[in-house]
Amino acid sequence: MGSLYENENQAGLAHFSSNMAFNGSVHFPSANVVEFFQKLGMDFGGDTNASTNFDRTIYQLELPTQARDAARVADLLPTVAGGLTSDQGN
């Protein structure tokens, strides 16, 4: 979701959330996300990106060419869509 449903006091929350999406989720704790992508041969940051506009958030991934690796990355997407956490690891 983009910024469409933000209240005045929430301005920027959708954009912030999209930037933080790969910093941890229910099934991918923050310490594991970078390592997960690197094991697949992906450059964290270079092969991952997100953008937010008024009515949507778009996540972009440059997926590995091997089908089995692409399927492993696809396991991450539902977690990003509905399982983000704000756990600081404390």
N, C-alpha and C. Protein backbone atom coordinates (compact mmCIF):
# COMPACT_ATOMS: atom_id res chain seq x y z
N MET A 1 0.85 -1.16 0.00
CA MET A 1 0.00 0.00 0.00
C MET A 1 0.90 1.23 0.00
N GLY A 2 0.51 2.23 -0.70
CA GLY A 2 1.26 3.49 -0.75
C GLY A 2 0.83 4.42 0.37
N SER A 3 0.95 5.70 0.14
CA SER A 3 0.66 6.69 1.17
C SER A 3 -0.82 7.09 1.22
N LEU A 4 -1.65 6.49 0.38
CA LEU A 4 -3.06 6.84 0.28
C LEU A 4 -3.78 6.84 1.63
N TYR A 5 -3.49 5.90 2.48
CA TYR A 5 -4.21 5.75 3.74
C TYR A 5 -3.48 6.36 4.94
N GLU A 6 -2.42 7.08 4.72
CA GLU A 6 -1.72 7.72 5.82
C GLU A 6 -2.51 8.91 6.33
N ASN A 7 -2.54 9.06 7.64
CA ASN A 7 -3.08 10.27 8.25
C ASN A 7 -2.02 11.36 8.19
N GLU A 8 -2.40 12.57 8.48
CA GLU A 8 -1.45 13.68 8.44
C GLU A 8 -0.24 13.43 9.34
N ASN A 9 -0.48 12.83 10.50
CA ASN A 9 0.61 12.56 11.43
C ASN A 9 1.40 11.31 11.08
N GLN A 10 1.06 10.64 9.98
CA GLN A 10 1.77 9.44 9.54
C GLN A 10 2.52 9.68 8.23
N ALA A 11 2.61 10.91 7.78
CA ALA A 11 3.23 11.20 6.49
C ALA A 11 4.62 10.58 6.39
N GLY A 12 4.83 9.81 5.36
CA GLY A 12 6.12 9.16 5.14
C GLY A 12 6.22 7.75 5.67
N LEU A 13 5.21 7.29 6.40
CA LEU A 13 5.28 5.96 7.00
C LEU A 13 5.35 4.85 5.95
N ALA A 14 4.58 4.96 4.88
CA ALA A 14 4.62 3.93 3.83
C ALA A 14 6.00 3.89 3.19
N HIS A 15 6.57 5.03 2.94
CA HIS A 15 7.91 5.09 2.33
C HIS A 15 8.95 4.51 3.28
N PHE A 16 8.88 4.87 4.53
CA PHE A 16 9.81 4.34 5.53
C PHE A 16 9.68 2.82 5.62
N SER A 17 8.43 2.33 5.64
CA SER A 17 8.21 0.88 5.74
C SER A 17 8.80 0.15 4.54
N SER A 18 8.65 0.71 3.35
CA SER A 18 9.21 0.04 2.17
C SER A 18 10.73 -0.01 2.24
N ASN A 19 11.35 1.03 2.79
CA ASN A 19 12.81 1.04 2.92
C ASN A 19 13.29 0.06 3.98
N MET A 20 12.48 -0.17 4.97
CA MET A 20 12.88 -1.03 6.08
C MET A 20 12.43 -2.48 5.90
N ALA A 21 11.69 -2.77 4.83
CA ALA A 21 11.08 -4.09 4.67
C ALA A 21 12.08 -5.23 4.71
N PHE A 22 13.27 -5.03 4.22
CA PHE A 22 14.24 -6.11 4.20
C PHE A 22 15.15 -6.11 5.42
N ASN A 23 14.76 -5.37 6.45
CA ASN A 23 15.53 -5.34 7.69
C ASN A 23 15.00 -6.29 8.74
N GLY A 24 14.03 -7.10 8.39
CA GLY A 24 13.54 -8.09 9.32
C GLY A 24 12.06 -8.35 9.16
N SER A 25 11.72 -9.61 9.31
CA SER A 25 10.32 -10.02 9.23
C SER A 25 10.15 -11.25 10.10
N VAL A 26 8.93 -11.72 10.17
CA VAL A 26 8.60 -12.83 11.05
C VAL A 26 9.48 -14.05 10.77
N HIS A 27 9.66 -14.40 9.49
CA HIS A 27 10.41 -15.60 9.14
C HIS A 27 11.86 -15.33 8.72
N PHE A 28 12.22 -14.05 8.60
CA PHE A 28 13.56 -13.66 8.21
C PHE A 28 14.07 -12.59 9.17
N PRO A 29 14.62 -12.99 10.32
CA PRO A 29 15.17 -12.00 11.25
C PRO A 29 16.23 -11.14 10.57
N SER A 30 16.39 -9.93 11.05
CA SER A 30 17.24 -8.95 10.38
C SER A 30 18.66 -9.46 10.10
N ALA A 31 19.22 -10.22 10.99
CA ALA A 31 20.58 -10.70 10.80
C ALA A 31 20.67 -11.69 9.65
N ASN A 32 19.56 -12.29 9.25
CA ASN A 32 19.57 -13.34 8.23
C ASN A 32 19.26 -12.84 6.83
N VAL A 33 18.69 -11.67 6.66
CA VAL A 33 18.24 -11.21 5.35
C VAL A 33 19.42 -11.00 4.39
N VAL A 34 20.43 -10.27 4.81
CA VAL A 34 21.59 -10.02 3.96
C VAL A 34 22.27 -11.35 3.61
N GLU A 35 22.49 -12.17 4.60
CA GLU A 35 23.12 -13.47 4.38
C GLU A 35 22.28 -14.33 3.42
N PHE A 36 20.97 -14.29 3.55
CA PHE A 36 20.06 -15.03 2.68
C PHE A 36 20.28 -14.64 1.22
N PHE A 37 20.30 -13.34 0.94
CA PHE A 37 20.51 -12.88 -0.43
C PHE A 37 21.93 -13.22 -0.93
N GLN A 38 22.91 -13.05 -0.07
CA GLN A 38 24.29 -13.32 -0.49
C GLN A 38 24.51 -14.79 -0.83
N LYS A 39 23.88 -15.69 -0.09
CA LYS A 39 24.00 -17.12 -0.39
C LYS A 39 23.42 -17.45 -1.75
N LEU A 40 22.48 -16.65 -2.22
CA LEU A 40 21.88 -16.84 -3.53
C LEU A 40 22.68 -16.15 -4.63
N GLY A 41 23.76 -15.48 -4.25
CA GLY A 41 24.57 -14.77 -5.22
C GLY A 41 24.04 -13.39 -5.55
N MET A 42 23.14 -12.88 -4.72
CA MET A 42 22.56 -11.56 -4.93
C MET A 42 23.33 -10.54 -4.12
N ASP A 43 23.42 -9.34 -4.63
CA ASP A 43 24.04 -8.23 -3.92
C ASP A 43 22.96 -7.49 -3.16
N PHE A 44 22.98 -7.56 -1.83
CA PHE A 44 21.97 -6.86 -1.04
C PHE A 44 22.13 -5.37 -1.26
N GLY A 45 21.09 -4.73 -1.73
CA GLY A 45 21.14 -3.31 -2.07
C GLY A 45 21.21 -3.13 -3.57
N GLY A 46 22.13 -3.83 -4.22
CA GLY A 46 22.26 -3.73 -5.66
C GLY A 46 21.19 -4.52 -6.40
N ASP A 47 20.77 -5.65 -5.83
CA ASP A 47 19.76 -6.48 -6.46
C ASP A 47 18.40 -6.35 -5.80
N THR A 48 18.29 -5.48 -4.82
CA THR A 48 17.01 -5.25 -4.13
C THR A 48 16.70 -3.76 -4.12
N ASN A 49 15.43 -3.44 -4.25
CA ASN A 49 15.01 -2.04 -4.22
C ASN A 49 13.52 -1.98 -3.94
N ALA A 50 13.06 -0.84 -3.48
CA ALA A 50 11.64 -0.62 -3.25
C ALA A 50 11.33 0.85 -3.51
N SER A 51 10.11 1.10 -3.93
CA SER A 51 9.66 2.48 -4.10
C SER A 51 8.20 2.59 -3.67
N THR A 52 7.82 3.77 -3.25
CA THR A 52 6.47 4.00 -2.77
C THR A 52 5.91 5.23 -3.46
N ASN A 53 4.67 5.12 -3.91
CA ASN A 53 3.97 6.30 -4.39
C ASN A 53 2.61 6.37 -3.73
N PHE A 54 1.72 7.14 -4.28
CA PHE A 54 0.44 7.41 -3.62
C PHE A 54 -0.39 6.16 -3.35
N ASP A 55 -0.46 5.26 -4.30
CA ASP A 55 -1.36 4.13 -4.15
C ASP A 55 -0.70 2.76 -4.15
N ARG A 56 0.63 2.70 -4.12
CA ARG A 56 1.27 1.39 -4.11
C ARG A 56 2.71 1.47 -3.63
N THR A 57 3.17 0.32 -3.20
CA THR A 57 4.59 0.12 -2.89
C THR A 57 5.07 -0.99 -3.81
N ILE A 58 6.19 -0.78 -4.44
CA ILE A 58 6.72 -1.74 -5.40
C ILE A 58 8.07 -2.23 -4.89
N TYR A 59 8.20 -3.55 -4.80
CA TYR A 59 9.47 -4.17 -4.43
C TYR A 59 10.09 -4.76 -5.70
N GLN A 60 11.35 -4.47 -5.93
CA GLN A 60 12.05 -4.97 -7.10
C GLN A 60 13.22 -5.83 -6.66
N LEU A 61 13.30 -7.01 -7.23
CA LEU A 61 14.38 -7.94 -6.94
C LEU A 61 14.97 -8.44 -8.25
N GLU A 62 16.27 -8.38 -8.37
CA GLU A 62 16.96 -9.00 -9.50
C GLU A 62 17.24 -10.43 -9.08
N LEU A 63 16.39 -11.33 -9.53
CA LEU A 63 16.45 -12.71 -9.07
C LEU A 63 17.56 -13.50 -9.75
N PRO A 64 18.08 -14.50 -9.05
CA PRO A 64 19.07 -15.38 -9.65
C PRO A 64 18.45 -16.13 -10.83
N THR A 65 19.28 -16.62 -11.72
CA THR A 65 18.77 -17.30 -12.91
C THR A 65 18.32 -18.73 -12.64
N GLN A 66 18.84 -19.36 -11.63
CA GLN A 66 18.43 -20.73 -11.33
C GLN A 66 17.00 -20.74 -10.76
N ALA A 67 16.14 -21.57 -11.31
CA ALA A 67 14.73 -21.61 -10.90
C ALA A 67 14.58 -21.93 -9.42
N ARG A 68 15.40 -22.83 -8.90
CA ARG A 68 15.26 -23.19 -7.48
C ARG A 68 15.60 -22.01 -6.58
N ASP A 69 16.57 -21.18 -6.98
CA ASP A 69 16.92 -20.01 -6.19
C ASP A 69 15.82 -18.96 -6.27
N ALA A 70 15.23 -18.78 -7.43
CA ALA A 70 14.13 -17.83 -7.57
C ALA A 70 12.97 -18.24 -6.68
N ALA A 71 12.71 -19.53 -6.58
CA ALA A 71 11.64 -20.02 -5.71
C ALA A 71 11.95 -19.72 -4.25
N ARG A 72 13.21 -19.81 -3.85
CA ARG A 72 13.59 -19.50 -2.46
C ARG A 72 13.35 -18.02 -2.16
N VAL A 73 13.66 -17.15 -3.12
CA VAL A 73 13.43 -15.72 -2.94
C VAL A 73 11.93 -15.46 -2.86
N ALA A 74 11.15 -16.18 -3.64
CA ALA A 74 9.70 -16.00 -3.61
C ALA A 74 9.12 -16.33 -2.23
N ASP A 75 9.79 -17.17 -1.46
CA ASP A 75 9.36 -17.46 -0.09
C ASP A 75 9.45 -16.22 0.80
N LEU A 76 10.33 -15.31 0.45
CA LEU A 76 10.51 -14.09 1.24
C LEU A 76 9.36 -13.10 1.05
N LEU A 77 8.78 -13.05 -0.13
CA LEU A 77 7.82 -12.00 -0.47
C LEU A 77 6.56 -11.98 0.40
N PRO A 78 5.92 -13.11 0.71
CA PRO A 78 4.75 -13.03 1.59
C PRO A 78 5.08 -12.46 2.97
N THR A 79 6.29 -12.73 3.44
CA THR A 79 6.72 -12.19 4.73
C THR A 79 6.86 -10.68 4.66
N VAL A 80 7.43 -10.18 3.56
CA VAL A 80 7.55 -8.74 3.37
C VAL A 80 6.18 -8.10 3.29
N ALA A 81 5.25 -8.78 2.63
CA ALA A 81 3.91 -8.22 2.45
C ALA A 81 3.09 -8.18 3.73
N GLY A 82 3.30 -9.12 4.65
CA GLY A 82 2.45 -9.12 5.82
C GLY A 82 3.10 -9.52 7.12
N GLY A 83 4.41 -9.62 7.17
CA GLY A 83 5.03 -10.09 8.39
C GLY A 83 6.20 -9.26 8.86
N LEU A 84 6.20 -7.99 8.52
CA LEU A 84 7.31 -7.13 8.95
C LEU A 84 7.28 -6.93 10.46
N THR A 85 8.44 -6.78 11.04
CA THR A 85 8.55 -6.53 12.47
C THR A 85 9.35 -5.28 12.72
N SER A 86 9.24 -4.76 13.89
CA SER A 86 10.08 -3.63 14.28
C SER A 86 11.00 -4.03 15.40
N ASP A 87 11.22 -5.34 15.54
CA ASP A 87 12.08 -5.88 16.57
C ASP A 87 13.50 -5.37 16.40
N GLN A 88 14.05 -4.80 17.44
CA GLN A 88 15.40 -4.27 17.43
C GLN A 88 16.42 -5.32 17.83
N GLY A 89 15.95 -6.55 18.09
CA GLY A 89 16.87 -7.60 18.52
C GLY A 89 17.19 -7.50 19.99
N ASN A 90 16.42 -6.72 20.73
CA ASN A 90 16.66 -6.57 22.18
C ASN A 90 15.83 -7.54 22.96
